[in-house]
Every structure is written in C-alpha cells, then in structure tokens.
C-alpha cells in the first residue's frame, strides 16, 4: 500500500542585483605585516584599529575572514582598496 505524498511547488523568488548581499573575503597571504593589513582594513572598511586587528588575526589563524558585506559596488570598492597593496581578496 503505497501512499502518494503531494509536495507543493516551491516559490521561487528572483532577487535584483541591489537586493543581493555581497561579501568581501580577505585571505591570509603572509606577505604583509599585521600593521600593513590593519592600516589597509581601516582605510577600506572604516573600522577601528581594534576591529581591523581582530579581522587580521582571524585571517592569519584560519586562512580567511569576511571583512565586509553589502551592495556589489561597495564590496568592489572595498576589495579594490585592499588589493591596492597586494592583499588577496575575493568578492
């Protein structure tokens, strides 16, 4: 006695590019000092030195860290600022 189970069709919602949440990931590259990374993070995301220090520590310890999320254009701006000194990032 097999019962058929009816599963409703899932609702598919299409998001516009403005509605998407983008992220900037900073990777550890061992090619910059902590001070250089901290200074660049402060410039790129406008955070305090203490916050930048914590982000740099996480990237160093775990290999990567999310440093920013937001609209695509803002993420690209942050990534460009970080990349300008050769830091490895991905949007």
N, C-alpha and C. Protein backbone atom coordinates (compact mmCIF):
# COMPACT_ATOMS: atom_id res chain seq x y z
N UNK A 1 0.82 -1.18 0.00
CA UNK A 1 0.00 0.00 0.00
C UNK A 1 0.87 1.25 0.00
N UNK A 2 1.16 1.72 -1.16
CA UNK A 2 1.96 2.93 -1.31
C UNK A 2 1.06 4.15 -1.28
N UNK A 3 1.45 5.12 -0.49
CA UNK A 3 0.73 6.40 -0.45
C UNK A 3 1.52 7.42 -1.25
N UNK A 4 0.82 8.19 -2.03
CA UNK A 4 1.45 9.28 -2.74
C UNK A 4 1.39 10.53 -1.87
N UNK A 5 2.53 11.17 -1.74
CA UNK A 5 2.57 12.40 -0.97
C UNK A 5 2.67 13.56 -1.94
N UNK A 6 1.82 14.51 -1.76
CA UNK A 6 1.82 15.69 -2.62
C UNK A 6 2.69 16.77 -1.97
N UNK A 7 3.71 17.19 -2.70
CA UNK A 7 4.59 18.26 -2.22
C UNK A 7 4.29 19.50 -3.06
N UNK A 8 3.94 20.59 -2.38
CA UNK A 8 3.63 21.81 -3.14
C UNK A 8 4.87 22.35 -3.85
N UNK A 9 4.63 23.01 -4.97
CA UNK A 9 5.74 23.63 -5.71
C UNK A 9 6.37 24.72 -4.85
N UNK A 10 7.70 24.75 -4.80
CA UNK A 10 8.35 25.81 -4.03
C UNK A 10 8.18 27.15 -4.75
N UNK A 11 8.09 28.17 -3.98
CA UNK A 11 8.02 29.52 -4.55
C UNK A 11 9.44 29.96 -4.87
N UNK A 12 9.63 30.44 -6.05
CA UNK A 12 10.93 30.92 -6.47
C UNK A 12 10.87 32.43 -6.50
N UNK A 13 11.79 33.04 -5.77
CA UNK A 13 11.85 34.48 -5.72
C UNK A 13 13.15 34.93 -6.38
N UNK A 14 13.03 35.75 -7.38
CA UNK A 14 14.21 36.29 -8.04
C UNK A 14 14.57 37.62 -7.40
N UNK A 15 15.83 37.75 -7.03
CA UNK A 15 16.30 38.99 -6.42
C UNK A 15 17.01 39.84 -7.45
N UNK A 16 16.87 41.13 -7.32
CA UNK A 16 17.63 42.03 -8.19
C UNK A 16 19.05 42.12 -7.64
N UNK A 17 19.96 42.64 -8.44
CA UNK A 17 21.34 42.76 -8.01
C UNK A 17 21.45 43.63 -6.75
N UNK A 18 20.61 44.65 -6.64
CA UNK A 18 20.62 45.53 -5.46
C UNK A 18 20.19 44.79 -4.20
N UNK A 19 19.38 43.75 -4.34
CA UNK A 19 18.87 43.01 -3.18
C UNK A 19 19.84 41.92 -2.72
N UNK A 20 20.80 41.56 -3.55
CA UNK A 20 21.75 40.53 -3.18
C UNK A 20 22.73 41.07 -2.13
N UNK A 21 23.15 40.21 -1.25
CA UNK A 21 24.16 40.56 -0.27
C UNK A 21 25.50 40.02 -0.78
N UNK A 22 26.43 40.91 -1.03
CA UNK A 22 27.76 40.54 -1.50
C UNK A 22 28.70 40.55 -0.31
N UNK A 23 29.82 39.84 -0.42
CA UNK A 23 30.79 39.76 0.65
C UNK A 23 32.20 39.96 0.10
N UNK A 24 33.04 40.51 0.96
CA UNK A 24 34.47 40.60 0.64
C UNK A 24 35.20 39.68 1.61
N UNK A 25 35.94 38.74 1.06
CA UNK A 25 36.72 37.79 1.86
C UNK A 25 38.19 38.16 1.71
N UNK A 26 38.86 38.30 2.85
CA UNK A 26 40.30 38.56 2.89
C UNK A 26 41.01 37.25 3.21
N UNK A 27 42.03 36.93 2.41
CA UNK A 27 42.79 35.70 2.60
C UNK A 27 44.16 36.01 3.19
N UNK A 28 44.64 35.11 4.00
CA UNK A 28 45.97 35.24 4.56
C UNK A 28 47.00 34.94 3.47
N UNK A 29 47.97 35.83 3.34
CA UNK A 29 48.98 35.60 2.30
C UNK A 29 50.41 35.62 2.85
N UNK A 30 50.59 35.95 4.12
CA UNK A 30 51.91 36.00 4.75
C UNK A 30 52.90 36.90 4.00
N UNK A 31 52.40 37.86 3.25
CA UNK A 31 53.29 38.75 2.51
C UNK A 31 53.22 40.19 3.01
N UNK A 32 52.44 40.43 4.05
CA UNK A 32 52.31 41.76 4.63
C UNK A 32 52.42 41.66 6.15
N UNK A 33 52.84 42.75 6.77
CA UNK A 33 52.86 42.77 8.23
C UNK A 33 51.44 42.97 8.75
N UNK A 34 51.24 42.62 10.01
CA UNK A 34 49.93 42.87 10.62
C UNK A 34 49.58 44.35 10.54
N UNK A 35 50.57 45.21 10.79
CA UNK A 35 50.31 46.66 10.75
C UNK A 35 49.86 47.12 9.38
N UNK A 36 50.44 46.57 8.31
CA UNK A 36 50.01 46.94 6.96
C UNK A 36 48.57 46.51 6.71
N UNK A 37 48.24 45.30 7.12
CA UNK A 37 46.88 44.77 6.92
C UNK A 37 45.88 45.60 7.73
N UNK A 38 46.22 45.88 8.97
CA UNK A 38 45.34 46.66 9.83
C UNK A 38 45.10 48.04 9.24
N UNK A 39 46.15 48.70 8.81
CA UNK A 39 46.02 50.04 8.22
C UNK A 39 45.12 50.01 6.99
N UNK A 40 45.29 49.00 6.15
CA UNK A 40 44.50 48.92 4.92
C UNK A 40 43.04 48.60 5.22
N UNK A 41 42.80 47.75 6.21
CA UNK A 41 41.42 47.45 6.60
C UNK A 41 40.71 48.69 7.12
N UNK A 42 41.42 49.49 7.92
CA UNK A 42 40.84 50.73 8.43
C UNK A 42 40.45 51.64 7.26
N UNK A 43 41.33 51.76 6.27
CA UNK A 43 41.04 52.57 5.07
C UNK A 43 39.85 52.02 4.29
N UNK A 44 39.85 50.70 4.10
CA UNK A 44 38.88 50.07 3.20
C UNK A 44 37.48 50.01 3.78
N UNK A 45 37.36 49.68 5.08
CA UNK A 45 36.01 49.48 5.63
C UNK A 45 35.66 50.48 6.72
N UNK A 46 36.59 51.37 7.05
CA UNK A 46 36.29 52.41 8.01
C UNK A 46 36.09 51.91 9.43
N UNK A 47 36.74 50.82 9.77
CA UNK A 47 36.60 50.26 11.11
C UNK A 47 37.70 50.81 12.02
N UNK A 48 37.61 50.50 13.29
CA UNK A 48 38.65 50.89 14.24
C UNK A 48 39.87 50.00 14.06
N UNK A 49 40.98 50.45 14.59
CA UNK A 49 42.20 49.63 14.55
C UNK A 49 42.00 48.33 15.31
N UNK A 50 41.24 48.38 16.39
CA UNK A 50 40.99 47.17 17.18
C UNK A 50 40.21 46.13 16.37
N UNK A 51 39.19 46.58 15.66
CA UNK A 51 38.40 45.67 14.82
C UNK A 51 39.27 45.13 13.69
N UNK A 52 40.04 46.00 13.05
CA UNK A 52 40.93 45.58 11.96
C UNK A 52 41.93 44.55 12.47
N UNK A 53 42.43 44.75 13.69
CA UNK A 53 43.37 43.81 14.29
C UNK A 53 42.73 42.44 14.48
N UNK A 54 41.48 42.42 14.93
CA UNK A 54 40.76 41.15 15.11
C UNK A 54 40.56 40.45 13.78
N UNK A 55 40.18 41.20 12.74
CA UNK A 55 39.98 40.61 11.42
C UNK A 55 41.28 40.04 10.88
N UNK A 56 42.38 40.78 11.04
CA UNK A 56 43.68 40.31 10.57
C UNK A 56 44.09 39.03 11.31
N UNK A 57 43.80 38.98 12.60
CA UNK A 57 44.13 37.80 13.39
C UNK A 57 43.36 36.57 12.88
N UNK A 58 42.06 36.74 12.61
CA UNK A 58 41.24 35.62 12.13
C UNK A 58 41.75 35.14 10.77
N UNK A 59 42.08 36.08 9.87
CA UNK A 59 42.61 35.69 8.56
C UNK A 59 43.91 34.92 8.72
N UNK A 60 44.76 35.37 9.63
CA UNK A 60 46.04 34.70 9.85
C UNK A 60 45.84 33.30 10.44
N UNK A 61 44.94 33.18 11.39
CA UNK A 61 44.75 31.91 12.10
C UNK A 61 43.98 30.89 11.26
N UNK A 62 42.93 31.35 10.54
CA UNK A 62 42.04 30.42 9.84
C UNK A 62 42.18 30.45 8.31
N UNK A 63 42.98 31.36 7.79
CA UNK A 63 43.20 31.40 6.34
C UNK A 63 42.37 32.41 5.60
N UNK A 64 41.23 32.80 6.16
CA UNK A 64 40.39 33.82 5.52
C UNK A 64 39.38 34.35 6.52
N UNK A 65 38.82 35.51 6.17
CA UNK A 65 37.80 36.12 7.03
C UNK A 65 36.93 37.04 6.17
N UNK A 66 35.64 37.06 6.48
CA UNK A 66 34.74 38.01 5.82
C UNK A 66 34.97 39.36 6.47
N UNK A 67 35.35 40.36 5.67
CA UNK A 67 35.64 41.68 6.23
C UNK A 67 34.55 42.70 5.92
N UNK A 68 33.68 42.38 4.97
CA UNK A 68 32.64 43.35 4.59
C UNK A 68 31.52 42.63 3.86
N UNK A 69 30.30 43.13 4.02
CA UNK A 69 29.19 42.67 3.20
C UNK A 69 28.29 43.84 2.91
N UNK A 70 27.69 43.80 1.73
CA UNK A 70 26.82 44.90 1.31
C UNK A 70 26.52 44.81 -0.17
N UNK A 71 26.22 45.96 -0.75
CA UNK A 71 25.93 46.01 -2.19
C UNK A 71 27.20 45.77 -2.99
N UNK A 72 27.00 45.28 -4.20
CA UNK A 72 28.12 44.89 -5.06
C UNK A 72 29.13 46.02 -5.24
N UNK A 73 28.65 47.22 -5.53
CA UNK A 73 29.54 48.34 -5.79
C UNK A 73 30.42 48.65 -4.58
N UNK A 74 29.83 48.61 -3.39
CA UNK A 74 30.59 48.88 -2.17
C UNK A 74 31.61 47.78 -1.92
N UNK A 75 31.22 46.53 -2.17
CA UNK A 75 32.16 45.42 -2.00
C UNK A 75 33.33 45.54 -2.96
N UNK A 76 33.05 45.93 -4.18
CA UNK A 76 34.11 46.09 -5.16
C UNK A 76 35.06 47.23 -4.76
N UNK A 77 34.51 48.30 -4.19
CA UNK A 77 35.34 49.42 -3.72
C UNK A 77 36.25 48.95 -2.60
N UNK A 78 35.68 48.21 -1.63
CA UNK A 78 36.47 47.68 -0.51
C UNK A 78 37.56 46.75 -1.03
N UNK A 79 37.20 45.86 -1.93
CA UNK A 79 38.17 44.91 -2.48
C UNK A 79 39.29 45.64 -3.22
N UNK A 80 38.95 46.65 -3.99
CA UNK A 80 39.96 47.42 -4.71
C UNK A 80 40.94 48.09 -3.75
N UNK A 81 40.43 48.63 -2.66
CA UNK A 81 41.29 49.28 -1.67
C UNK A 81 42.24 48.27 -1.04
N UNK A 82 41.72 47.10 -0.69
CA UNK A 82 42.56 46.07 -0.09
C UNK A 82 43.59 45.54 -1.09
N UNK A 83 43.16 45.35 -2.32
CA UNK A 83 44.06 44.82 -3.35
C UNK A 83 45.14 45.82 -3.76
N UNK A 84 44.92 47.10 -3.48
CA UNK A 84 45.88 48.13 -3.93
C UNK A 84 47.26 47.95 -3.31
N UNK A 85 47.35 47.24 -2.17
CA UNK A 85 48.67 46.94 -1.61
C UNK A 85 49.03 45.47 -1.78
N UNK A 86 48.25 44.76 -2.57
CA UNK A 86 48.57 43.37 -2.88
C UNK A 86 47.94 42.34 -1.97
N UNK A 87 46.96 42.75 -1.16
CA UNK A 87 46.26 41.77 -0.33
C UNK A 87 45.39 40.89 -1.22
N UNK A 88 45.20 39.65 -0.83
CA UNK A 88 44.39 38.70 -1.59
C UNK A 88 42.96 38.74 -1.09
N UNK A 89 42.04 39.10 -1.98
CA UNK A 89 40.62 39.19 -1.61
C UNK A 89 39.76 38.60 -2.71
N UNK A 90 38.53 38.32 -2.33
CA UNK A 90 37.55 37.84 -3.32
C UNK A 90 36.19 38.43 -2.96
N UNK A 91 35.48 38.91 -3.98
CA UNK A 91 34.11 39.41 -3.79
C UNK A 91 33.18 38.28 -4.14
